[in-house]
């Protein structure tokens, strides 16, 4: 149980960092990285545009097997 909680928490933090560090993505992206103990992580970011709104969904995956919960961020275009 402790291991699962650590994976979920770490994966959530990676997803959050990648969402905010990669603002304005126009297409789906996969960001790969290794943590301090050498475990491979992939963050899959998908973008969906609907009119004035662009929503991003980030899901981090550990060792191509353990998927963490998704994190969402939406941006709204302002009219001038």
Protein backbone atom coordinates (compact mmCIF):
# COMPACT_ATOMS: atom_id res chain seq x y z
CA UNK A 1 0.00 0.00 0.00
CA UNK A 2 2.81 2.40 0.85
CA UNK A 3 4.49 1.72 -2.51
CA UNK A 4 1.24 2.42 -4.41
CA UNK A 5 0.76 5.70 -2.52
CA UNK A 6 4.32 6.77 -3.33
CA UNK A 7 3.87 5.97 -7.05
CA UNK A 8 0.57 7.90 -7.20
CA UNK A 9 1.98 10.92 -5.36
CA UNK A 10 5.22 11.07 -7.34
CA UNK A 11 3.37 10.54 -10.62
CA UNK A 12 0.91 13.31 -9.76
CA UNK A 13 3.78 15.72 -9.07
CA UNK A 14 5.50 14.84 -12.36
CA UNK A 15 2.22 15.39 -14.23
CA UNK A 16 1.75 18.77 -12.55
CA UNK A 17 5.29 19.92 -13.32
CA UNK A 18 5.04 18.87 -16.95
CA UNK A 19 1.67 20.60 -17.40
CA UNK A 20 2.99 23.92 -16.10
CA UNK A 21 6.46 23.74 -17.67
CA UNK A 22 5.11 22.88 -21.12
CA UNK A 23 2.31 25.44 -21.47
CA UNK A 24 0.84 26.10 -24.88
CA UNK A 25 1.37 22.67 -26.41
CA UNK A 26 -0.50 22.46 -29.68
CA UNK A 27 -0.43 18.68 -30.03
CA UNK A 28 -0.22 15.57 -27.91
CA UNK A 29 3.18 14.94 -26.33
CA UNK A 30 5.09 12.25 -24.46
CA UNK A 31 7.77 13.45 -22.05
CA UNK A 32 10.27 10.85 -20.81
CA UNK A 33 12.46 11.14 -17.74
CA UNK A 34 14.16 9.11 -15.01
CA UNK A 35 13.83 9.75 -11.30
CA UNK A 36 16.74 9.86 -8.84
CA UNK A 37 16.83 6.06 -8.46
CA UNK A 38 16.72 5.37 -12.19
CA UNK A 39 13.03 4.50 -12.59
CA UNK A 40 11.70 5.46 -16.02
CA UNK A 41 8.63 7.70 -16.19
CA UNK A 42 6.59 8.85 -19.18
CA UNK A 43 4.11 11.69 -18.98
CA UNK A 44 1.50 11.57 -21.72
CA UNK A 45 -0.06 14.99 -22.35
CA UNK A 46 -3.09 15.21 -24.61
CA UNK A 47 -4.64 18.48 -25.77
CA UNK A 48 -8.25 19.06 -26.72
CA UNK A 49 -9.51 22.32 -28.25
CA UNK A 50 -13.15 23.32 -28.06
CA UNK A 51 -13.77 26.88 -29.19
CA UNK A 52 -12.27 29.28 -26.67
CA UNK A 53 -11.06 26.52 -24.37
CA UNK A 54 -8.01 24.27 -24.55
CA UNK A 55 -7.80 21.46 -22.01
CA UNK A 56 -4.72 19.38 -21.29
CA UNK A 57 -4.71 15.96 -19.65
CA UNK A 58 -1.46 14.60 -18.17
CA UNK A 59 -0.99 11.02 -17.05
CA UNK A 60 2.35 9.75 -15.73
CA UNK A 61 3.32 6.12 -16.27
CA UNK A 62 6.05 4.32 -14.32
CA UNK A 63 8.14 1.71 -16.16
CA UNK A 64 5.55 1.58 -18.98
CA UNK A 65 3.21 -0.29 -16.61
CA UNK A 66 1.92 1.63 -13.58
CA UNK A 67 -0.42 4.43 -14.60
CA UNK A 68 -1.17 7.20 -12.11
CA UNK A 69 -4.34 9.26 -11.97
CA UNK A 70 -4.84 11.92 -14.61
CA UNK A 71 -4.40 15.63 -13.95
CA UNK A 72 -6.26 18.26 -16.00
CA UNK A 73 -5.60 21.91 -16.78
CA UNK A 74 -7.78 24.15 -18.95
CA UNK A 75 -6.93 27.51 -20.52
CA UNK A 76 -9.46 30.01 -21.81
CA UNK A 77 -8.77 32.42 -24.64
CA UNK A 78 -9.75 35.98 -23.87
CA UNK A 79 -11.48 38.09 -26.49
CA UNK A 80 -10.18 41.62 -27.05
